[in-house]
Amino acid sequence: MFSSIAIVGSGAIGTYYGARLALAGADVRFLMRGDLAAVRARGSIMLHEKLGTSELHPVAAFGSPEEIGPVDLVLVTLKTTANAELARLLPPLLGPRTAVVTLQNGLGNEEHLASLVGAERVLGGLCFIAVNRIAPGELRGFHTPGSITLGEFGRAVSDRSRAIAGLFKTAGMACLAVENLAEARWRKLVWNIPFNGLAIAAGGITIDKIMMNPALAAEVRALMDEVAAVARALGYVVPENFIQSQIAVTLPMGAYAPSSLIDFLAGRAVEVEAIWGEPLRRAQVAGVDTPRLAVLYAKLRELLAAIR
């Protein structure tokens, strides 16, 4: 069903998943920008994980979607701050039955894709993983392979979503196809909102330093509770044991820098609206008070405005 795959946004997440799929035998074509010359020169992608180093060689790396051409499956792993580019990048990759999966953070991504390619093509995935790009085409895993939660946009689980989940499983990654993608997105925000946000707002610190600071650890829990309250008000299930699991899985990560912190320290755009702004706006519409989220969102906007 999916004999060819395009990775749109070959940063840490896209490169990791694409390399894993390619190492398992899939025809994976990477759309690259900054890393293109280095990856072509070396001819490989390197994955450094706890169990050792893997090398993908050769690499099908391209500089434009026109070079790639139509594929069966597109994985969108661009930062949401670059979503305006998708109107240009996606059309050359689309065939009659191409599925498009966004693995981006935050809220609103499926809706944007649906407006560009049609809702019937669109799925979404949530990546529970900790991986950093340490050099062009070279990645270090802190919590890999992690897991993926996958769902159809506005539809129940299908043979298509199960087949895509099967691709990831064949490549050694846990992937669960779920009935309710929107609920899964709110569950992912339970982790992303506090840890990505506090890593920046607390002075540019890694996850371990957040967890070792009692005041920051308490703020993590308070933000998680606010996010869960909004999700529940919208009709989604976020049980207490899920919140506890998000804290438990964080402890072994060590000195992991979330992607938002890496972008901030590099002076790049941060996904403020998708991860913090849109959830806050939906909380306000739902009538749920989220004072800590409001303060964090305002602080992040202030800090980002200062480096522009």
C-alpha atoms as a PDB file:
ATOM      1  CA  MET A   1       0.000   0.000   0.000  1.00  0.00           C
ATOM      2  CA  PHE A   2       2.861   2.405   0.823  1.00  0.00           C
ATOM      3  CA  SER A   3       5.853   1.545  -1.348  1.00  0.00           C
ATOM      4  CA  SER A   4       7.326   5.078  -1.381  1.00  0.00           C
ATOM      5  CA  ILE A   5       7.620   7.642   1.420  1.00  0.00           C
ATOM      6  CA  ALA A   6       8.638  11.319   1.384  1.00  0.00           C
ATOM      7  CA  ILE A   7       9.940  13.096   4.473  1.00  0.00           C
ATOM      8  CA  VAL A   8       9.050  16.799   4.375  1.00  0.00           C
ATOM      9  CA  GLY A   9      11.126  18.494   7.044  1.00  0.00           C
ATOM     10  CA  SER A  10      14.316  16.538   7.648  1.00  0.00           C
ATOM     11  CA  GLY A  11      15.146  17.836  11.112  1.00  0.00           C
ATOM     12  CA  ALA A  12      15.630  15.568  14.106  1.00  0.00           C
ATOM     13  CA  ILE A  13      12.213  13.889  14.025  1.00  0.00           C
ATOM     14  CA  GLY A  14      11.892  13.522  10.266  1.00  0.00           C
ATOM     15  CA  THR A  15      15.436  12.301   9.798  1.00  0.00           C
ATOM     16  CA  TYR A  16      15.145   9.807  12.646  1.00  0.00           C
ATOM     17  CA  TYR A  17      11.880   8.248  11.515  1.00  0.00           C
ATOM     18  CA  GLY A  18      12.887   8.322   7.870  1.00  0.00           C
ATOM     19  CA  ALA A  19      16.192   6.628   8.581  1.00  0.00           C
ATOM     20  CA  ARG A  20      14.538   3.981  10.722  1.00  0.00           C
ATOM     21  CA  LEU A  21      11.992   3.242   7.978  1.00  0.00           C
ATOM     22  CA  ALA A  22      14.715   3.137   5.314  1.00  0.00           C
ATOM     23  CA  LEU A  23      16.896   0.819   7.410  1.00  0.00           C
ATOM     24  CA  ALA A  24      13.906  -1.533   7.534  1.00  0.00           C
ATOM     25  CA  GLY A  25      13.768  -1.598   3.736  1.00  0.00           C
ATOM     26  CA  ALA A  26      11.305   1.175   2.866  1.00  0.00           C
ATOM     27  CA  ASP A  27      11.831   3.494  -0.125  1.00  0.00           C
ATOM     28  CA  VAL A  28      12.309   6.757   1.793  1.00  0.00           C
ATOM     29  CA  ARG A  29      13.073  10.055   0.071  1.00  0.00           C
ATOM     30  CA  PHE A  30      14.259  12.925   2.252  1.00  0.00           C
ATOM     31  CA  LEU A  31      13.459  16.531   1.354  1.00  0.00           C
ATOM     32  CA  MET A  32      16.402  18.431   2.846  1.00  0.00           C
ATOM     33  CA  ARG A  33      17.616  22.000   2.957  1.00  0.00           C
ATOM     34  CA  GLY A  34      20.416  22.870   5.376  1.00  0.00           C
ATOM     35  CA  ASP A  35      21.708  19.293   5.719  1.00  0.00           C
ATOM     36  CA  LEU A  36      21.516  18.413   2.018  1.00  0.00           C
ATOM     37  CA  ALA A  37      25.104  19.127   0.965  1.00  0.00           C
ATOM     38  CA  ALA A  38      26.661  17.468   4.030  1.00  0.00           C
ATOM     39  CA  VAL A  39      24.479  14.356   3.793  1.00  0.00           C
ATOM     40  CA  ARG A  40      25.170  13.988   0.087  1.00  0.00           C
ATOM     41  CA  ALA A  41      28.904  14.417   0.646  1.00  0.00           C
ATOM     42  CA  ARG A  42      29.044  11.809   3.421  1.00  0.00           C
ATOM     43  CA  GLY A  43      26.410   9.614   1.809  1.00  0.00           C
ATOM     44  CA  SER A  44      24.845   8.544   5.092  1.00  0.00           C
ATOM     45  CA  ILE A  45      22.682   9.387   8.101  1.00  0.00           C
ATOM     46  CA  MET A  46      23.976   8.424  11.551  1.00  0.00           C
ATOM     47  CA  LEU A  47      21.764   7.460  14.495  1.00  0.00           C
ATOM     48  CA  HIS A  48      23.455   7.311  17.904  1.00  0.00           C
ATOM     49  CA  GLU A  49      21.219   5.500  20.405  1.00  0.00           C
ATOM     50  CA  LYS A  50      21.669   3.784  23.740  1.00  0.00           C
ATOM     51  CA  LEU A  51      22.100   0.385  22.123  1.00  0.00           C
ATOM     52  CA  GLY A  52      24.641   1.590  19.586  1.00  0.00           C
ATOM     53  CA  THR A  53      25.055   3.501  16.342  1.00  0.00           C
ATOM     54  CA  SER A  54      23.221   2.789  13.101  1.00  0.00           C
ATOM     55  CA  GLU A  55      24.143   4.154   9.681  1.00  0.00           C
ATOM     56  CA  LEU A  56      21.816   4.571   6.738  1.00  0.00           C
ATOM     57  CA  HIS A  57      23.846   4.350   3.534  1.00  0.00           C
ATOM     58  CA  PRO A  58      23.082   5.402   0.839  1.00  0.00           C
ATOM     59  CA  VAL A  59      20.560   8.193   1.466  1.00  0.00           C
ATOM     60  CA  ALA A  60      17.966   9.365  -1.059  1.00  0.00           C
ATOM     61  CA  ALA A  61      18.284  13.089  -0.298  1.00  0.00           C
ATOM     62  CA  PHE A  62      16.687  15.751  -2.485  1.00  0.00           C
ATOM     63  CA  GLY A  63      16.566  19.519  -2.559  1.00  0.00           C
ATOM     64  CA  SER A  64      13.085  19.969  -4.041  1.00  0.00           C
ATOM     65  CA  PRO A  65       9.762  18.088  -4.039  1.00  0.00           C
ATOM     66  CA  GLU A  66       9.816  18.064  -7.835  1.00  0.00           C
ATOM     67  CA  GLU A  67      12.933  15.869  -7.710  1.00  0.00           C
ATOM     68  CA  ILE A  68      11.109  13.425  -5.440  1.00  0.00           C
ATOM     69  CA  GLY A  69       7.857  13.245  -7.401  1.00  0.00           C
ATOM     70  CA  PRO A  70       4.587  11.566  -6.353  1.00  0.00           C
ATOM     71  CA  VAL A  71       4.789   9.102  -3.471  1.00  0.00           C
ATOM     72  CA  ASP A  72       2.346   6.904  -1.569  1.00  0.00           C
ATOM     73  CA  LEU A  73       2.927   8.485   1.838  1.00  0.00           C
ATOM     74  CA  VAL A  74       4.117  11.926   2.941  1.00  0.00           C
ATOM     75  CA  LEU A  75       5.347  12.469   6.501  1.00  0.00           C
ATOM     76  CA  VAL A  76       5.252  16.168   7.386  1.00  0.00           C
ATOM     77  CA  THR A  77       7.802  16.930  10.080  1.00  0.00           C
ATOM     78  CA  LEU A  78       8.417  20.622   9.404  1.00  0.00           C
ATOM     79  CA  LYS A  79       8.194  23.011  12.328  1.00  0.00           C
ATOM     80  CA  THR A  80       4.725  24.554  12.382  1.00  0.00           C
ATOM     81  CA  THR A  81       6.381  27.952  11.953  1.00  0.00           C
ATOM     82  CA  ALA A  82       7.122  26.854   8.357  1.00  0.00           C
ATOM     83  CA  ASN A  83       3.583  25.703   7.534  1.00  0.00           C
ATOM     84  CA  ALA A  84       3.182  28.449   4.942  1.00  0.00           C
ATOM     85  CA  GLU A  85       5.668  26.516   2.787  1.00  0.00           C
ATOM     86  CA  LEU A  86       3.433  23.443   2.561  1.00  0.00           C
ATOM     87  CA  ALA A  87       1.267  24.949  -0.184  1.00  0.00           C
ATOM     88  CA  ARG A  88       4.388  24.892  -2.393  1.00  0.00           C
ATOM     89  CA  LEU A  89       6.025  21.699  -1.125  1.00  0.00           C
ATOM     90  CA  LEU A  90       3.155  19.216  -1.126  1.00  0.00           C
ATOM     91  CA  PRO A  91       1.557  19.272  -4.621  1.00  0.00           C
ATOM     92  CA  PRO A  92       4.515  17.655  -6.480  1.00  0.00           C
ATOM     93  CA  LEU A  93       4.437  14.771  -3.982  1.00  0.00           C
ATOM     94  CA  LEU A  94       0.770  13.901  -4.430  1.00  0.00           C
ATOM     95  CA  GLY A  95      -0.578  11.032  -6.466  1.00  0.00           C
ATOM     96  CA  PRO A  96      -4.227   9.934  -6.668  1.00  0.00           C
ATOM     97  CA  ARG A  97      -4.116   8.031  -3.356  1.00  0.00           C
ATOM     98  CA  THR A  98      -1.266   9.699  -1.465  1.00  0.00           C
ATOM     99  CA  ALA A  99      -1.792   9.878   2.307  1.00  0.00           C
ATOM    100  CA  VAL A 100      -0.357  12.847   4.209  1.00  0.00           C
ATOM    101  CA  VAL A 101       0.553  12.458   7.883  1.00  0.00           C
ATOM    102  CA  THR A 102       1.520  15.433  10.024  1.00  0.00           C
ATOM    103  CA  LEU A 103       3.858  14.551  12.876  1.00  0.00           C
ATOM    104  CA  GLN A 104       3.984  18.168  14.020  1.00  0.00           C
ATOM    105  CA  ASN A 105       3.433  19.532  17.507  1.00  0.00           C
ATOM    106  CA  GLY A 106       0.448  21.426  18.812  1.00  0.00           C
ATOM    107  CA  LEU A 107      -3.051  22.060  17.503  1.00  0.00           C
ATOM    108  CA  GLY A 108      -4.429  23.070  14.109  1.00  0.00           C
ATOM    109  CA  ASN A 109      -2.035  21.185  11.830  1.00  0.00           C
ATOM    110  CA  GLU A 110      -4.524  18.697  10.408  1.00  0.00           C
ATOM    111  CA  GLU A 111      -6.955  21.503   9.647  1.00  0.00           C
ATOM    112  CA  HIS A 112      -4.244  23.375   7.739  1.00  0.00           C
ATOM    113  CA  LEU A 113      -3.259  20.305   5.740  1.00  0.00           C
ATOM    114  CA  ALA A 114      -6.894  19.541   4.938  1.00  0.00           C
ATOM    115  CA  SER A 115      -7.281  23.010   3.436  1.00  0.00           C
ATOM    116  CA  LEU A 116      -4.329  22.289   1.121  1.00  0.00           C
ATOM    117  CA  VAL A 117      -4.699  18.648   0.074  1.00  0.00           C
ATOM    118  CA  GLY A 118      -8.227  17.624   1.098  1.00  0.00           C
ATOM    119  CA  ALA A 119      -9.339  16.187   4.421  1.00  0.00           C
ATOM    120  CA  GLU A 120      -9.612  12.679   2.999  1.00  0.00           C
ATOM    121  CA  ARG A 121      -5.817  12.437   2.643  1.00  0.00           C
ATOM    122  CA  VAL A 122      -4.941  13.675   6.124  1.00  0.00           C
ATOM    123  CA  LEU A 123      -3.819  11.806   9.231  1.00  0.00           C
ATOM    124  CA  GLY A 124      -1.974  13.013  12.311  1.00  0.00           C
ATOM    125  CA  GLY A 125       0.627  11.472  14.549  1.00  0.00           C
ATOM    126  CA  LEU A 126       1.991  12.275  17.997  1.00  0.00           C
ATOM    127  CA  CYS A 127       5.667  11.508  18.575  1.00  0.00           C
ATOM    128  CA  PHE A 128       6.671  10.514  22.095  1.00  0.00           C
ATOM    129  CA  ILE A 129      10.421  10.612  21.587  1.00  0.00           C
ATOM    130  CA  ALA A 130      13.513  12.546  22.652  1.00  0.00           C
ATOM    131  CA  VAL A 131      16.064  12.942  19.867  1.00  0.00           C
ATOM    132  CA  ASN A 132      18.408  15.816  18.966  1.00  0.00           C
ATOM    133  CA  ARG A 133      20.234  16.672  15.762  1.00  0.00           C
ATOM    134  CA  ILE A 134      23.893  17.044  16.740  1.00  0.00           C
ATOM    135  CA  ALA A 135      25.334  17.600  13.241  1.00  0.00           C
ATOM    136  CA  PRO A 136      24.025  17.525   9.662  1.00  0.00           C
ATOM    137  CA  GLY A 137      22.438  14.129   9.175  1.00  0.00           C
ATOM    138  CA  GLU A 138      23.588  12.969  12.613  1.00  0.00           C
ATOM    139  CA  LEU A 139      21.242  12.364  15.538  1.00  0.00           C
ATOM    140  CA  ARG A 140      21.521  11.445  19.204  1.00  0.00           C
ATOM    141  CA  GLY A 141      18.646   9.595  20.848  1.00  0.00           C
ATOM    142  CA  PHE A 142      17.778  10.208  24.501  1.00  0.00           C
ATOM    143  CA  HIS A 143      14.450   8.363  24.531  1.00  0.00           C
ATOM    144  CA  THR A 144      14.354   6.387  21.308  1.00  0.00           C
ATOM    145  CA  PRO A 145      12.642   4.810  19.517  1.00  0.00           C
ATOM    146  CA  GLY A 146       9.857   6.049  21.801  1.00  0.00           C
ATOM    147  CA  SER A 147       6.346   5.626  20.447  1.00  0.00           C
ATOM    148  CA  ILE A 148       3.877   7.122  17.989  1.00  0.00           C
ATOM    149  CA  THR A 149       0.143   7.573  18.328  1.00  0.00           C
ATOM    150  CA  LEU A 150      -1.547   7.779  14.928  1.00  0.00           C
ATOM    151  CA  GLY A 151      -5.074   8.735  13.910  1.00  0.00           C
ATOM    152  CA  GLU A 152      -7.234   9.715  10.964  1.00  0.00           C
ATOM    153  CA  PHE A 153      -8.308  13.360  10.786  1.00  0.00           C
ATOM    154  CA  GLY A 154     -11.959  13.477  11.811  1.00  0.00           C
ATOM    155  CA  ARG A 155     -12.455   9.768  11.140  1.00  0.00           C
ATOM    156  CA  ALA A 156     -12.236   6.497  13.018  1.00  0.00           C
ATOM    157  CA  VAL A 157      -9.254   4.181  12.743  1.00  0.00           C
ATOM    158  CA  SER A 158      -9.062   2.562   9.292  1.00  0.00           C
ATOM    159  CA  ASP A 159      -7.159  -0.063   7.314  1.00  0.00           C
ATOM    160  CA  ARG A 160      -4.996   2.820   6.034  1.00  0.00           C
ATOM    161  CA  SER A 161      -4.016   4.044   9.493  1.00  0.00           C
ATOM    162  CA  ARG A 162      -3.363   0.476  10.624  1.00  0.00           C
ATOM    163  CA  ALA A 163      -1.124  -0.072   7.583  1.00  0.00           C
ATOM    164  CA  ILE A 164       0.892   3.076   8.348  1.00  0.00           C
ATOM    165  CA  ALA A 165       1.215   1.978  11.970  1.00  0.00           C
ATOM    166  CA  GLY A 166       2.456  -1.353  10.640  1.00  0.00           C
ATOM    167  CA  LEU A 167       5.232   0.396   8.704  1.00  0.00           C
ATOM    168  CA  PHE A 168       6.564   1.963  11.894  1.00  0.00           C
ATOM    169  CA  LYS A 169       6.260  -1.293  13.806  1.00  0.00           C
ATOM    170  CA  THR A 170       8.212  -3.142  11.108  1.00  0.00           C
ATOM    171  CA  ALA A 171      10.957  -0.545  11.589  1.00  0.00           C
ATOM    172  CA  GLY A 172      11.125  -1.308  15.318  1.00  0.00           C
ATOM    173  CA  MET A 173       8.994   1.577  16.581  1.00  0.00           C
ATOM    174  CA  ALA A 174       5.890   1.256  18.722  1.00  0.00           C
ATOM    175  CA  CYS A 175       2.930   2.798  16.897  1.00  0.00           C
ATOM    176  CA  LEU A 176      -0.702   2.722  17.981  1.00  0.00           C
ATOM    177  CA  ALA A 177      -3.565   3.624  15.642  1.00  0.00           C
ATOM    178  CA  VAL A 178      -6.298   5.284  17.718  1.00  0.00           C
ATOM    179  CA  GLU A 179      -9.938   6.207  17.220  1.00  0.00           C
ATOM    180  CA  ASN A 180      -9.677   9.782  18.483  1.00  0.00           C
ATOM    181  CA  LEU A 181      -6.783  11.833  17.119  1.00  0.00           C
ATOM    182  CA  ALA A 182      -7.957  15.058  18.789  1.00  0.00           C
ATOM    183  CA  GLU A 183      -7.850  13.427  22.211  1.00  0.00           C
ATOM    184  CA  ALA A 184      -4.347  12.128  21.494  1.00  0.00           C
ATOM    185  CA  ARG A 185      -3.212  15.655  20.586  1.00  0.00           C
ATOM    186  CA  TRP A 186      -4.374  17.013  23.952  1.00  0.00           C
ATOM    187  CA  ARG A 187      -2.599  14.183  25.729  1.00  0.00           C
ATOM    188  CA  LYS A 188       0.656  15.096  23.963  1.00  0.00           C
ATOM    189  CA  LEU A 189       0.239  18.704  25.095  1.00  0.00           C
ATOM    190  CA  VAL A 190       0.244  17.488  28.705  1.00  0.00           C
ATOM    191  CA  TRP A 191       4.023  17.005  28.252  1.00  0.00           C
ATOM    192  CA  ASN A 192       4.848  19.560  25.573  1.00  0.00           C
ATOM    193  CA  ILE A 193       3.302  22.621  27.186  1.00  0.00           C
ATOM    194  CA  PRO A 194       5.192  22.462  30.493  1.00  0.00           C
ATOM    195  CA  PHE A 195       8.533  21.006  29.437  1.00  0.00           C
ATOM    196  CA  ASN A 196       9.084  22.825  26.140  1.00  0.00           C
ATOM    197  CA  GLY A 197       7.836  26.038  27.719  1.00  0.00           C
ATOM    198  CA  LEU A 198       9.679  25.970  31.029  1.00  0.00           C
ATOM    199  CA  ALA A 199      12.928  24.926  29.374  1.00  0.00           C
ATOM    200  CA  ILE A 200      12.890  28.332  27.685  1.00  0.00           C
ATOM    201  CA  ALA A 201      11.164  30.455  30.335  1.00  0.00           C
ATOM    202  CA  ALA A 202      13.380  29.206  33.178  1.00  0.00           C
ATOM    203  CA  GLY A 203      16.521  30.430  31.473  1.00  0.00           C
ATOM    204  CA  GLY A 204      17.351  27.900  28.791  1.00  0.00           C
ATOM    205  CA  ILE A 205      17.684  24.687  30.798  1.00  0.00           C
ATOM    206  CA  THR A 206      17.433  21.003  30.035  1.00  0.00           C
ATOM    207  CA  ILE A 207      14.760  18.619  31.309  1.00  0.00           C
ATOM    208  CA  ASP A 208      16.840  17.197  34.145  1.00  0.00           C
ATOM    209  CA  LYS A 209      17.326  20.664  35.654  1.00  0.00           C
ATOM    210  CA  ILE A 210      13.593  21.282  35.567  1.00  0.00           C
ATOM    211  CA  MET A 211      12.896  18.039  37.391  1.00  0.00           C
ATOM    212  CA  MET A 212      15.626  18.672  40.008  1.00  0.00           C
ATOM    213  CA  ASN A 213      14.175  22.077  40.909  1.00  0.00           C
ATOM    214  CA  PRO A 214      11.236  21.595  43.326  1.00  0.00           C
ATOM    215  CA  ALA A 215       9.503  24.834  42.291  1.00  0.00           C
ATOM    216  CA  LEU A 216       9.805  24.059  38.587  1.00  0.00           C
ATOM    217  CA  ALA A 217       8.734  20.448  39.090  1.00  0.00           C
ATOM    218  CA  ALA A 218       5.635  21.717  40.917  1.00  0.00           C
ATOM    219  CA  GLU A 219       4.959  24.126  38.038  1.00  0.00           C
ATOM    220  CA  VAL A 220       5.214  21.222  35.596  1.00  0.00           C
ATOM    221  CA  ARG A 221       2.524  19.362  37.491  1.00  0.00           C
ATOM    222  CA  ALA A 222       0.295  22.443  37.767  1.00  0.00           C
ATOM    223  CA  LEU A 223       0.532  23.098  34.022  1.00  0.00           C
ATOM    224  CA  MET A 224      -0.211  19.456  33.286  1.00  0.00           C
ATOM    225  CA  ASP A 225      -3.341  19.699  35.425  1.00  0.00           C
ATOM    226  CA  GLU A 226      -4.482  22.819  33.551  1.00  0.00           C
ATOM    227  CA  VAL A 227      -4.028  21.151  30.165  1.00  0.00           C
ATOM    228  CA  ALA A 228      -5.862  18.057  31.352  1.00  0.00           C
ATOM    229  CA  ALA A 229      -8.729  20.214  32.652  1.00  0.00           C
ATOM    230  CA  VAL A 230      -9.177  21.839  29.237  1.00  0.00           C
ATOM    231  CA  ALA A 231      -9.073  18.481  27.490  1.00  0.00           C
ATOM    232  CA  ARG A 232     -11.696  17.064  29.839  1.00  0.00           C
ATOM    233  CA  ALA A 233     -13.930  20.100  29.321  1.00  0.00           C
ATOM    234  CA  LEU A 234     -13.772  19.392  25.587  1.00  0.00           C
ATOM    235  CA  GLY A 235     -14.859  15.801  26.175  1.00  0.00           C
ATOM    236  CA  TYR A 236     -11.502  14.051  25.994  1.00  0.00           C
ATOM    237  CA  VAL A 237     -10.205  11.465  28.452  1.00  0.00           C
ATOM    238  CA  VAL A 238      -6.966  12.320  30.250  1.00  0.00           C
ATOM    239  CA  PRO A 239      -6.742  10.112  33.339  1.00  0.00           C
ATOM    240  CA  GLU A 240      -4.509  10.725  36.329  1.00  0.00           C
ATOM    241  CA  ASN A 241      -2.371   7.682  35.569  1.00  0.00           C
ATOM    242  CA  PHE A 242      -1.578   9.151  32.144  1.00  0.00           C
ATOM    243  CA  ILE A 243      -0.292  12.359  33.757  1.00  0.00           C
ATOM    244  CA  GLN A 244       1.806  10.316  36.172  1.00  0.00           C
ATOM    245  CA  SER A 245       3.233   8.314  33.259  1.00  0.00           C
ATOM    246  CA  GLN A 246       4.366  11.518  31.540  1.00  0.00           C
ATOM    247  CA  ILE A 247       6.350  12.494  34.621  1.00  0.00           C
ATOM    248  CA  ALA A 248       7.767   8.988  35.034  1.00  0.00           C
ATOM    249  CA  VAL A 249       8.969   8.749  31.421  1.00  0.00           C
ATOM    250  CA  THR A 250      10.720  12.122  31.737  1.00  0.00           C
ATOM    251  CA  LEU A 251      12.960  11.218  34.671  1.00  0.00           C
ATOM    252  CA  PRO A 252      15.351   8.904  32.738  1.00  0.00           C
ATOM    253  CA  MET A 253      15.820  11.376  29.849  1.00  0.00           C
ATOM    254  CA  GLY A 254      18.666  13.197  31.569  1.00  0.00           C
ATOM    255  CA  ALA A 255      20.033  16.378  30.013  1.00  0.00           C
ATOM    256  CA  TYR A 256      17.596  16.417  27.112  1.00  0.00           C
ATOM    257  CA  ALA A 257      16.939  19.741  25.383  1.00  0.00           C
ATOM    258  CA  PRO A 258      13.418  19.899  23.933  1.00  0.00           C
ATOM    259  CA  SER A 259      13.160  21.023  20.326  1.00  0.00           C
ATOM    260  CA  SER A 260      11.647  24.374  21.293  1.00  0.00           C
ATOM    261  CA  LEU A 261      14.646  25.149  23.498  1.00  0.00           C
ATOM    262  CA  ILE A 262      17.070  24.237  20.724  1.00  0.00           C
ATOM    263  CA  ASP A 263      15.255  26.566  18.328  1.00  0.00           C
ATOM    264  CA  PHE A 264      15.191  29.366  20.907  1.00  0.00           C
ATOM    265  CA  LEU A 265      18.906  29.115  21.703  1.00  0.00           C
ATOM    266  CA  ALA A 266      19.711  29.092  17.980  1.00  0.00           C
ATOM    267  CA  GLY A 267      17.645  32.227  17.405  1.00  0.00           C
ATOM    268  CA  ARG A 268      15.118  30.378  15.260  1.00  0.00           C
ATOM    269  CA  ALA A 269      11.340  30.712  15.325  1.00  0.00           C
ATOM    270  CA  VAL A 270       9.609  28.707  18.079  1.00  0.00           C
ATOM    271  CA  GLU A 271       6.207  27.048  17.651  1.00  0.00           C
ATOM    272  CA  VAL A 272       4.558  29.345  20.181  1.00  0.00           C
ATOM    273  CA  GLU A 273       1.124  29.536  18.589  1.00  0.00           C
ATOM    274  CA  ALA A 274       0.687  25.823  17.866  1.00  0.00           C
ATOM    275  CA  ILE A 275       1.899  24.599  21.265  1.00  0.00           C
ATOM    276  CA  TRP A 276       0.783  27.362  23.666  1.00  0.00           C
ATOM    277  CA  GLY A 277      -1.328  29.965  21.885  1.00  0.00           C
ATOM    278  CA  GLU A 278      -3.932  27.739  20.248  1.00  0.00           C
ATOM    279  CA  PRO A 279      -4.496  25.571  23.355  1.00  0.00           C
ATOM    280  CA  LEU A 280      -4.944  28.760  25.407  1.00  0.00           C
ATOM    281  CA  ARG A 281      -7.475  30.150  22.932  1.00  0.00           C
ATOM    282  CA  ARG A 282      -9.427  26.882  22.963  1.00  0.00           C
ATOM    283  CA  ALA A 283      -9.382  26.895  26.759  1.00  0.00           C
ATOM    284  CA  GLN A 284     -10.866  30.399  26.740  1.00  0.00           C
ATOM    285  CA  VAL A 285     -13.612  29.348  24.327  1.00  0.00           C
ATOM    286  CA  ALA A 286     -14.377  26.357  26.553  1.00  0.00           C
ATOM    287  CA  GLY A 287     -14.560  28.623  29.610  1.00  0.00           C
ATOM    288  CA  VAL A 288     -11.694  26.900  31.438  1.00  0.00           C
ATOM    289  CA  ASP A 289      -9.400  29.119  33.507  1.00  0.00           C
ATOM    290  CA  THR A 290      -5.717  28.419  32.765  1.00  0.00           C
ATOM    291  CA  PRO A 291      -3.740  31.160  34.531  1.00  0.00           C
ATOM    292  CA  ARG A 292      -0.397  29.347  34.434  1.00  0.00           C
ATOM    293  CA  LEU A 293      -0.686  28.622  30.725  1.00  0.00           C
ATOM    294  CA  ALA A 294      -1.589  32.261  30.104  1.00  0.00           C
ATOM    295  CA  VAL A 295       1.472  33.461  32.015  1.00  0.00           C
ATOM    296  CA  LEU A 296       3.765  30.996  30.253  1.00  0.00           C
ATOM    297  CA  TYR A 297       2.423  31.952  26.804  1.00  0.00           C
ATOM    298  CA  ALA A 298       2.924  35.659  27.540  1.00  0.00           C
ATOM    299  CA  LYS A 299       6.455  35.034  28.836  1.00  0.00           C
ATOM    300  CA  LEU A 300       7.429  33.033  25.762  1.00  0.00           C
ATOM    301  CA  ARG A 301       6.095  35.724  23.433  1.00  0.00           C
ATOM    302  CA  GLU A 302       8.079  38.323  25.362  1.00  0.00           C
ATOM    303  CA  LEU A 303      11.307  36.336  25.219  1.00  0.00           C
ATOM    304  CA  LEU A 304      10.945  35.582  21.520  1.00  0.00           C
ATOM    305  CA  ALA A 305      10.173  39.194  20.679  1.00  0.00           C
ATOM    306  CA  ALA A 306      13.440  40.176  22.338  1.00  0.00           C
ATOM    307  CA  ILE A 307      15.566  38.017  20.003  1.00  0.00           C
ATOM    308  CA  ARG A 308      13.895  38.942  16.740  1.00  0.00           C
END
